[in-house]
C-alpha atoms as a PDB file:
ATOM      1  CA  MET A   1       5.143 -14.397  -2.285  1.00  0.00           C
ATOM      2  CA  LYS A   2       2.914 -15.297  -5.214  1.00  0.00           C
ATOM      3  CA  LEU A   3       3.600 -14.755  -8.907  1.00  0.00           C
ATOM      4  CA  ILE A   4       0.738 -13.657 -11.121  1.00  0.00           C
ATOM      5  CA  ASN A   5       0.907 -13.220 -14.882  1.00  0.00           C
ATOM      6  CA  VAL A   6       0.119  -9.751 -16.180  1.00  0.00           C
ATOM      7  CA  ASP A   7       0.615  -9.162 -19.908  1.00  0.00           C
ATOM      8  CA  ASP A   8       2.921 -12.206 -20.116  1.00  0.00           C
ATOM      9  CA  ILE A   9       5.190 -10.999 -17.308  1.00  0.00           C
ATOM     10  CA  GLU A  10       5.406 -12.729 -13.936  1.00  0.00           C
ATOM     11  CA  ILE A  11       4.655 -10.116 -11.291  1.00  0.00           C
ATOM     12  CA  ALA A  12       5.707 -10.851  -7.704  1.00  0.00           C
ATOM     13  CA  THR A  13       2.972 -10.089  -5.185  1.00  0.00           C
ATOM     14  CA  ASN A  14       2.358 -10.380  -1.475  1.00  0.00           C
ATOM     15  CA  HIS A  15      -1.218 -10.207  -0.192  1.00  0.00           C
ATOM     16  CA  ILE A  16      -2.594 -10.720   3.294  1.00  0.00           C
ATOM     17  CA  ASN A  17      -6.295 -10.982   4.018  1.00  0.00           C
ATOM     18  CA  GLY A  18      -7.812  -8.919   6.795  1.00  0.00           C
ATOM     19  CA  GLN A  19     -10.901  -9.387   8.905  1.00  0.00           C
ATOM     20  CA  ARG A  20     -12.761  -7.451   6.215  1.00  0.00           C
ATOM     21  CA  SER A  21     -12.207  -6.883   2.509  1.00  0.00           C
ATOM     22  CA  SER A  22     -11.176  -3.232   2.759  1.00  0.00           C
ATOM     23  CA  GLY A  23      -7.460  -2.659   2.895  1.00  0.00           C
ATOM     24  CA  LEU A  24      -4.252  -0.971   1.813  1.00  0.00           C
ATOM     25  CA  MET A  25      -2.257  -1.256  -1.405  1.00  0.00           C
ATOM     26  CA  TRP A  26       1.395  -0.268  -1.574  1.00  0.00           C
ATOM     27  CA  LEU A  27       2.834   1.334  -4.724  1.00  0.00           C
ATOM     28  CA  GLY A  28       6.599   1.725  -4.604  1.00  0.00           C
ATOM     29  CA  GLY A  29       8.991   4.100  -6.292  1.00  0.00           C
ATOM     30  CA  TYR A  30      11.368   3.882  -9.232  1.00  0.00           C
ATOM     31  CA  ARG A  31      13.766   0.962  -8.677  1.00  0.00           C
ATOM     32  CA  SER A  32      12.238   0.221  -5.264  1.00  0.00           C
ATOM     33  CA  ASP A  33      10.774  -3.131  -4.291  1.00  0.00           C
ATOM     34  CA  MET A  34       8.032  -4.407  -2.009  1.00  0.00           C
ATOM     35  CA  GLU A  35      10.492  -5.388   0.726  1.00  0.00           C
ATOM     36  CA  GLY A  36      11.440  -1.805   1.593  1.00  0.00           C
ATOM     37  CA  THR A  37      11.007  -0.348   5.067  1.00  0.00           C
ATOM     38  CA  LYS A  38       7.795   1.564   4.388  1.00  0.00           C
ATOM     39  CA  ALA A  39       6.164  -1.336   2.530  1.00  0.00           C
ATOM     40  CA  ILE A  40       6.876  -3.797   5.348  1.00  0.00           C
ATOM     41  CA  GLU A  41       5.747  -1.313   7.988  1.00  0.00           C
ATOM     42  CA  LEU A  42       2.521  -0.802   6.042  1.00  0.00           C
ATOM     43  CA  GLU A  43       1.834  -4.540   6.087  1.00  0.00           C
ATOM     44  CA  THR A  44       2.514  -4.680   9.835  1.00  0.00           C
ATOM     45  CA  TYR A  45       0.130  -1.772  10.320  1.00  0.00           C
ATOM     46  CA  ALA A  46      -2.563  -3.561   8.296  1.00  0.00           C
ATOM     47  CA  LYS A  47      -2.156  -6.788  10.277  1.00  0.00           C
ATOM     48  CA  ASP A  48      -2.504  -4.923  13.561  1.00  0.00           C
ATOM     49  CA  ARG A  49      -5.778  -3.387  12.406  1.00  0.00           C
ATOM     50  CA  GLY A  50      -7.354  -6.343  10.668  1.00  0.00           C
ATOM     51  CA  LEU A  51      -7.019  -4.841   7.193  1.00  0.00           C
ATOM     52  CA  SER A  52      -5.893  -6.541   4.019  1.00  0.00           C
ATOM     53  CA  CYS A  53      -2.605  -5.393   2.493  1.00  0.00           C
ATOM     54  CA  THR A  54      -1.322  -5.851  -1.035  1.00  0.00           C
ATOM     55  CA  ARG A  55       2.227  -5.271  -2.245  1.00  0.00           C
ATOM     56  CA  HIS A  56       3.891  -6.055  -5.568  1.00  0.00           C
ATOM     57  CA  ASP A  57       7.047  -5.468  -7.572  1.00  0.00           C
ATOM     58  CA  TYR A  58       6.791  -3.767 -10.955  1.00  0.00           C
ATOM     59  CA  SER A  59       8.385  -5.593 -13.884  1.00  0.00           C
ATOM     60  CA  GLY A  60      12.162  -5.328 -13.731  1.00  0.00           C
ATOM     61  CA  HIS A  61      11.959  -4.637  -9.993  1.00  0.00           C
ATOM     62  CA  GLY A  62      12.555  -6.945  -7.031  1.00  0.00           C
ATOM     63  CA  GLN A  63      11.353 -10.488  -7.625  1.00  0.00           C
ATOM     64  CA  SER A  64       9.236  -9.779 -10.711  1.00  0.00           C
ATOM     65  CA  GLY A  65      10.140 -10.847 -14.221  1.00  0.00           C
ATOM     66  CA  GLY A  66      10.788  -8.592 -17.170  1.00  0.00           C
ATOM     67  CA  GLU A  67      13.646  -6.256 -17.978  1.00  0.00           C
ATOM     68  CA  PHE A  68      13.881  -3.009 -16.045  1.00  0.00           C
ATOM     69  CA  ILE A  69      15.035  -1.120 -19.117  1.00  0.00           C
ATOM     70  CA  GLU A  70      11.784  -2.058 -20.892  1.00  0.00           C
ATOM     71  CA  GLY A  71       9.597  -0.564 -18.159  1.00  0.00           C
ATOM     72  CA  THR A  72       7.386   2.488 -18.619  1.00  0.00           C
ATOM     73  CA  ILE A  73       4.725   4.234 -16.560  1.00  0.00           C
ATOM     74  CA  SER A  74       2.040   2.673 -18.774  1.00  0.00           C
ATOM     75  CA  LYS A  75       3.385  -0.851 -18.252  1.00  0.00           C
ATOM     76  CA  TRP A  76       3.796  -0.451 -14.497  1.00  0.00           C
ATOM     77  CA  LEU A  77       0.330   1.111 -14.329  1.00  0.00           C
ATOM     78  CA  GLN A  78      -1.276  -1.830 -16.122  1.00  0.00           C
ATOM     79  CA  GLN A  79       0.564  -4.278 -13.872  1.00  0.00           C
ATOM     80  CA  SER A  80      -0.636  -2.406 -10.784  1.00  0.00           C
ATOM     81  CA  LEU A  81      -4.216  -2.430 -12.063  1.00  0.00           C
ATOM     82  CA  GLY A  82      -3.915  -6.156 -12.767  1.00  0.00           C
ATOM     83  CA  VAL A  83      -2.737  -6.844  -9.217  1.00  0.00           C
ATOM     84  CA  PHE A  84      -5.448  -4.565  -7.808  1.00  0.00           C
ATOM     85  CA  GLU A  85      -8.229  -6.267  -9.746  1.00  0.00           C
ATOM     86  CA  ARG A  86      -7.087  -9.821  -9.029  1.00  0.00           C
ATOM     87  CA  LEU A  87      -5.999  -9.606  -5.395  1.00  0.00           C
ATOM     88  CA  THR A  88      -8.142  -6.923  -3.778  1.00  0.00           C
ATOM     89  CA  SER A  89     -11.828  -6.515  -3.083  1.00  0.00           C
ATOM     90  CA  GLY A  90     -13.724  -3.765  -1.352  1.00  0.00           C
ATOM     91  CA  PRO A  91     -12.501  -0.198  -0.878  1.00  0.00           C
ATOM     92  CA  GLN A  92      -8.743   0.337  -0.765  1.00  0.00           C
ATOM     93  CA  ILE A  93      -6.427   3.121   0.337  1.00  0.00           C
ATOM     94  CA  LEU A  94      -3.577   3.452  -2.154  1.00  0.00           C
ATOM     95  CA  VAL A  95      -0.273   4.324  -0.502  1.00  0.00           C
ATOM     96  CA  GLY A  96       2.082   5.597  -3.180  1.00  0.00           C
ATOM     97  CA  SER A  97       5.719   6.535  -2.650  1.00  0.00           C
ATOM     98  CA  SER A  98       7.551   8.794  -5.127  1.00  0.00           C
ATOM     99  CA  MET A  99       6.775   7.349  -8.590  1.00  0.00           C
ATOM    100  CA  GLY A 100       4.167   5.166  -6.874  1.00  0.00           C
ATOM    101  CA  ALA A 101       2.130   8.312  -6.219  1.00  0.00           C
ATOM    102  CA  TRP A 102       2.021   8.892  -9.986  1.00  0.00           C
ATOM    103  CA  ILE A 103       0.882   5.300 -10.504  1.00  0.00           C
ATOM    104  CA  ALA A 104      -1.761   5.758  -7.779  1.00  0.00           C
ATOM    105  CA  ILE A 105      -3.246   8.858  -9.416  1.00  0.00           C
ATOM    106  CA  ARG A 106      -3.310   7.156 -12.810  1.00  0.00           C
ATOM    107  CA  MET A 107      -4.991   4.109 -11.248  1.00  0.00           C
ATOM    108  CA  VAL A 108      -7.729   6.359  -9.881  1.00  0.00           C
ATOM    109  CA  GLN A 109      -8.240   7.825 -13.350  1.00  0.00           C
ATOM    110  CA  GLU A 110      -8.356   4.441 -15.079  1.00  0.00           C
ATOM    111  CA  LEU A 111     -10.727   2.935 -12.510  1.00  0.00           C
ATOM    112  CA  ALA A 112     -13.008   5.970 -12.877  1.00  0.00           C
ATOM    113  CA  LYS A 113     -13.246   5.262 -16.610  1.00  0.00           C
ATOM    114  CA  LYS A 114     -14.532   1.793 -15.707  1.00  0.00           C
ATOM    115  CA  GLY A 115     -17.075   3.167 -13.247  1.00  0.00           C
ATOM    116  CA  GLN A 116     -15.107   1.769 -10.304  1.00  0.00           C
ATOM    117  CA  SER A 117     -14.295   4.965  -8.406  1.00  0.00           C
ATOM    118  CA  ASP A 118     -15.844   3.440  -5.291  1.00  0.00           C
ATOM    119  CA  ARG A 119     -12.956   0.957  -5.093  1.00  0.00           C
ATOM    120  CA  ILE A 120     -10.588   3.756  -4.015  1.00  0.00           C
ATOM    121  CA  ALA A 121     -11.301   4.978  -0.484  1.00  0.00           C
ATOM    122  CA  GLY A 122      -8.324   7.305  -0.139  1.00  0.00           C
ATOM    123  CA  LEU A 123      -4.800   8.195  -1.242  1.00  0.00           C
ATOM    124  CA  LEU A 124      -1.713   8.608   0.926  1.00  0.00           C
ATOM    125  CA  LEU A 125       1.093  10.039  -1.201  1.00  0.00           C
ATOM    126  CA  LEU A 126       4.646  10.046   0.178  1.00  0.00           C
ATOM    127  CA  ALA A 127       7.204  12.359  -1.480  1.00  0.00           C
ATOM    128  CA  PRO A 128       4.966  12.234  -4.561  1.00  0.00           C
ATOM    129  CA  ALA A 129       6.649  12.430  -7.964  1.00  0.00           C
ATOM    130  CA  PRO A 130       3.901  12.497 -10.599  1.00  0.00           C
ATOM    131  CA  ASP A 131       5.127  13.627 -14.024  1.00  0.00           C
ATOM    132  CA  PHE A 132       8.711  13.444 -12.735  1.00  0.00           C
ATOM    133  CA  THR A 133      10.148  12.671 -16.171  1.00  0.00           C
ATOM    134  CA  VAL A 134       8.683  15.808 -17.752  1.00  0.00           C
ATOM    135  CA  GLU A 135       8.545  18.172 -14.774  1.00  0.00           C
ATOM    136  CA  LEU A 136      11.678  17.302 -12.815  1.00  0.00           C
ATOM    137  CA  MET A 137      14.106  15.535 -15.143  1.00  0.00           C
ATOM    138  CA  GLU A 138      13.787  16.873 -18.686  1.00  0.00           C
ATOM    139  CA  PRO A 139      14.583  20.481 -17.713  1.00  0.00           C
ATOM    140  CA  GLN A 140      17.785  19.265 -16.011  1.00  0.00           C
ATOM    141  CA  LEU A 141      19.099  17.007 -18.783  1.00  0.00           C
ATOM    142  CA  SER A 142      22.672  17.730 -19.811  1.00  0.00           C
ATOM    143  CA  ASP A 143      23.744  17.821 -23.454  1.00  0.00           C
ATOM    144  CA  ALA A 144      25.506  14.485 -22.936  1.00  0.00           C
ATOM    145  CA  GLN A 145      22.359  12.894 -21.496  1.00  0.00           C
ATOM    146  CA  LYS A 146      20.252  14.237 -24.361  1.00  0.00           C
ATOM    147  CA  SER A 147      22.782  12.811 -26.793  1.00  0.00           C
ATOM    148  CA  ASP A 148      22.697   9.400 -25.095  1.00  0.00           C
ATOM    149  CA  LEU A 149      18.887   9.358 -25.223  1.00  0.00           C
ATOM    150  CA  ALA A 150      18.952  10.190 -28.935  1.00  0.00           C
ATOM    151  CA  THR A 151      21.712   7.762 -29.916  1.00  0.00           C
ATOM    152  CA  LYS A 152      21.545   4.917 -27.382  1.00  0.00           C
ATOM    153  CA  GLY A 153      17.945   5.245 -26.222  1.00  0.00           C
ATOM    154  CA  PHE A 154      18.972   5.630 -22.557  1.00  0.00           C
ATOM    155  CA  TYR A 155      21.396   7.277 -20.186  1.00  0.00           C
ATOM    156  CA  GLU A 156      22.815   6.301 -16.798  1.00  0.00           C
ATOM    157  CA  GLU A 157      23.547   8.304 -13.677  1.00  0.00           C
ATOM    158  CA  PRO A 158      24.855   7.354 -10.219  1.00  0.00           C
ATOM    159  CA  THR A 159      22.410   7.070  -7.338  1.00  0.00           C
ATOM    160  CA  PRO A 160      22.963   7.315  -3.575  1.00  0.00           C
ATOM    161  CA  TYR A 161      20.390   4.552  -3.044  1.00  0.00           C
ATOM    162  CA  GLY A 162      22.440   1.617  -4.355  1.00  0.00           C
ATOM    163  CA  PRO A 163      25.654   0.506  -6.104  1.00  0.00           C
ATOM    164  CA  ASP A 164      24.184   0.312  -9.611  1.00  0.00           C
ATOM    165  CA  PRO A 165      23.470   3.446 -11.634  1.00  0.00           C
ATOM    166  CA  ASN A 166      19.953   4.576 -12.403  1.00  0.00           C
ATOM    167  CA  VAL A 167      18.943   3.990 -16.012  1.00  0.00           C
ATOM    168  CA  PHE A 168      16.463   6.270 -17.745  1.00  0.00           C
ATOM    169  CA  THR A 169      15.205   5.413 -21.222  1.00  0.00           C
ATOM    170  CA  LYS A 170      13.800   7.443 -24.085  1.00  0.00           C
ATOM    171  CA  ALA A 171      10.731   5.198 -23.901  1.00  0.00           C
ATOM    172  CA  LEU A 172      10.218   6.193 -20.249  1.00  0.00           C
ATOM    173  CA  PHE A 173      10.326   9.887 -21.160  1.00  0.00           C
ATOM    174  CA  ASP A 174       8.051   9.495 -24.195  1.00  0.00           C
ATOM    175  CA  ASP A 175       5.552   7.398 -22.259  1.00  0.00           C
ATOM    176  CA  GLY A 176       5.707   9.778 -19.309  1.00  0.00           C
ATOM    177  CA  ARG A 177       4.366  12.569 -21.488  1.00  0.00           C
ATOM    178  CA  ALA A 178       1.372  10.384 -22.380  1.00  0.00           C
ATOM    179  CA  ASN A 179       0.628   9.828 -18.671  1.00  0.00           C
ATOM    180  CA  ARG A 180       0.898  13.397 -17.408  1.00  0.00           C
ATOM    181  CA  VAL A 181      -1.519  14.258 -14.614  1.00  0.00           C
ATOM    182  CA  MET A 182      -0.406  17.730 -13.509  1.00  0.00           C
ATOM    183  CA  GLY A 183      -1.625  19.678 -16.518  1.00  0.00           C
ATOM    184  CA  SER A 184      -5.006  20.454 -14.986  1.00  0.00           C
ATOM    185  CA  THR A 185      -7.115  19.970 -11.866  1.00  0.00           C
ATOM    186  CA  ILE A 186      -6.948  16.435 -10.455  1.00  0.00           C
ATOM    187  CA  ASP A 187     -10.213  15.024  -9.116  1.00  0.00           C
ATOM    188  CA  THR A 188      -9.825  11.724  -7.265  1.00  0.00           C
ATOM    189  CA  HIS A 189     -13.248  11.753  -5.553  1.00  0.00           C
ATOM    190  CA  CYS A 190     -11.607  10.627  -2.285  1.00  0.00           C
ATOM    191  CA  PRO A 191      -9.582  11.979   0.651  1.00  0.00           C
ATOM    192  CA  VAL A 192      -5.928  12.629  -0.175  1.00  0.00           C
ATOM    193  CA  HIS A 193      -3.038  13.256   2.208  1.00  0.00           C
ATOM    194  CA  ILE A 194       0.441  14.190   1.011  1.00  0.00           C
ATOM    195  CA  ILE A 195       3.553  13.852   3.182  1.00  0.00           C
ATOM    196  CA  GLN A 196       6.613  15.690   1.875  1.00  0.00           C
ATOM    197  CA  GLY A 197      10.092  16.296   3.258  1.00  0.00           C
ATOM    198  CA  LYS A 198      11.421  19.842   2.992  1.00  0.00           C
ATOM    199  CA  GLN A 199      14.969  18.450   2.558  1.00  0.00           C
ATOM    200  CA  ASP A 200      14.050  16.037  -0.259  1.00  0.00           C
ATOM    201  CA  PRO A 201      16.941  16.127  -2.780  1.00  0.00           C
ATOM    202  CA  ASP A 202      14.952  14.329  -5.491  1.00  0.00           C
ATOM    203  CA  VAL A 203      11.465  15.860  -5.388  1.00  0.00           C
ATOM    204  CA  PRO A 204      11.376  19.550  -4.422  1.00  0.00           C
ATOM    205  CA  TRP A 205       8.701  20.373  -1.871  1.00  0.00           C
ATOM    206  CA  GLN A 206       7.315  22.903  -4.348  1.00  0.00           C
ATOM    207  CA  HIS A 207       6.362  19.981  -6.623  1.00  0.00           C
ATOM    208  CA  ALA A 208       4.277  18.432  -3.849  1.00  0.00           C
ATOM    209  CA  GLN A 209       2.724  21.818  -3.093  1.00  0.00           C
ATOM    210  CA  ARG A 210       1.707  22.235  -6.723  1.00  0.00           C
ATOM    211  CA  LEU A 211       0.179  18.756  -6.727  1.00  0.00           C
ATOM    212  CA  TYR A 212      -1.768  19.624  -3.583  1.00  0.00           C
ATOM    213  CA  GLU A 213      -3.089  22.805  -5.174  1.00  0.00           C
ATOM    214  CA  LEU A 214      -4.247  20.855  -8.244  1.00  0.00           C
ATOM    215  CA  MET A 215      -6.385  18.698  -5.947  1.00  0.00           C
ATOM    216  CA  SER A 216      -8.679  21.590  -5.053  1.00  0.00           C
ATOM    217  CA  LYS A 217     -11.809  19.509  -5.692  1.00  0.00           C
ATOM    218  CA  ASP A 218     -10.712  16.812  -3.269  1.00  0.00           C
ATOM    219  CA  ASP A 219     -10.602  16.646   0.507  1.00  0.00           C
ATOM    220  CA  ALA A 220      -6.846  17.071   0.301  1.00  0.00           C
ATOM    221  CA  SER A 221      -4.265  17.935   2.939  1.00  0.00           C
ATOM    222  CA  ILE A 222      -0.487  18.143   3.034  1.00  0.00           C
ATOM    223  CA  THR A 223       2.050  17.687   5.824  1.00  0.00           C
ATOM    224  CA  TYR A 224       5.619  18.926   5.540  1.00  0.00           C
ATOM    225  CA  ILE A 225       8.495  17.383   7.485  1.00  0.00           C
ATOM    226  CA  ALA A 226      11.075  20.131   8.009  1.00  0.00           C
ATOM    227  CA  ASP A 227      14.062  17.761   8.071  1.00  0.00           C
ATOM    228  CA  GLY A 228      12.504  15.016   5.934  1.00  0.00           C
ATOM    229  CA  ASP A 229      14.390  13.501   2.997  1.00  0.00           C
ATOM    230  CA  HIS A 230      13.065  11.568  -0.004  1.00  0.00           C
ATOM    231  CA  ARG A 231      12.940   8.148   1.598  1.00  0.00           C
ATOM    232  CA  LEU A 232      10.833   9.173   4.607  1.00  0.00           C
ATOM    233  CA  SER A 233      11.800   5.877   6.248  1.00  0.00           C
ATOM    234  CA  ARG A 234      12.982   7.065   9.657  1.00  0.00           C
ATOM    235  CA  THR A 235      11.114   5.930  12.771  1.00  0.00           C
ATOM    236  CA  GLN A 236       9.386   9.291  13.100  1.00  0.00           C
ATOM    237  CA  ASP A 237       8.440   9.288   9.401  1.00  0.00           C
ATOM    238  CA  ILE A 238       6.863   5.837   9.696  1.00  0.00           C
ATOM    239  CA  ALA A 239       4.984   6.941  12.820  1.00  0.00           C
ATOM    240  CA  LEU A 240       3.566   9.915  10.919  1.00  0.00           C
ATOM    241  CA  MET A 241       2.514   7.663   8.032  1.00  0.00           C
ATOM    242  CA  LYS A 242       0.622   5.433  10.459  1.00  0.00           C
ATOM    243  CA  ASN A 243      -0.988   8.365  12.261  1.00  0.00           C
ATOM    244  CA  VAL A 244      -2.213   9.803   8.967  1.00  0.00           C
ATOM    245  CA  LEU A 245      -3.639   6.409   8.022  1.00  0.00           C
ATOM    246  CA  ASP A 246      -5.396   6.194  11.399  1.00  0.00           C
ATOM    247  CA  ASP A 247      -7.061   9.542  10.755  1.00  0.00           C
ATOM    248  CA  MET A 248      -8.000   8.670   7.171  1.00  0.00           C
ATOM    249  CA  ILE A 249      -9.484   5.299   8.140  1.00  0.00           C
ATOM    250  CA  LEU A 250     -11.506   6.972  10.886  1.00  0.00           C
ATOM    251  CA  GLN A 251     -12.661   9.671   8.470  1.00  0.00           C
ATOM    252  CA  ILE A 252     -13.878   7.278   5.776  1.00  0.00           C
ATOM    253  CA  GLY A 253     -15.196   4.685   8.218  1.00  0.00           C
ATOM    254  CA  MET A 254     -13.212   1.848   6.696  1.00  0.00           C
END
């Protein structure tokens, strides 16, 4: 593990070099860290194939510094770009899980502005949740949650993924609106594959389908797992992730 400073916050990273510069970059979900099952399996996959692999924790996550409650999509995006620019070289496949898929799409957009579209060779999006604050959460907010956002600046709710409640801030919602990607056609200029569970309790499969349809300019494909949940961390889910990566790497000649 190596700490790098991005915007005065120590960001925990883990990077392995491959036999060539091209590689994979993991982008985790909300409140996830780089030691999760899929992230570790991705690194193992990269090692087996001589590819580089880069993982990191967003601020307020895992081993990184910063307060979780101060995090926003914009901040986590800039941290991800900082890690990408400092630790990777050559074309990369971004593997984004849940919120990480949102970060991945925004990274593509920001790199395109810099004339660096060639740095992204492909996207693998797992249970993708772009625009989740606006599209999935705001319509479901209770009056009590709206009141907490207005008066306290945040609200809490229990989560099945850990003992501590999830915290969602007004800043996260406001910033999410500024980072929306699903308002029009998304053009990533690279192959995209989406994997989505039909039994996902957090991101409805219809959200992934809509994202897929917005990628009409791309070489995009989508795979549904009939009994798949949001985590997609079962043995068979990991095997599918690796098979999709095999096909994508063969397709792009990486």
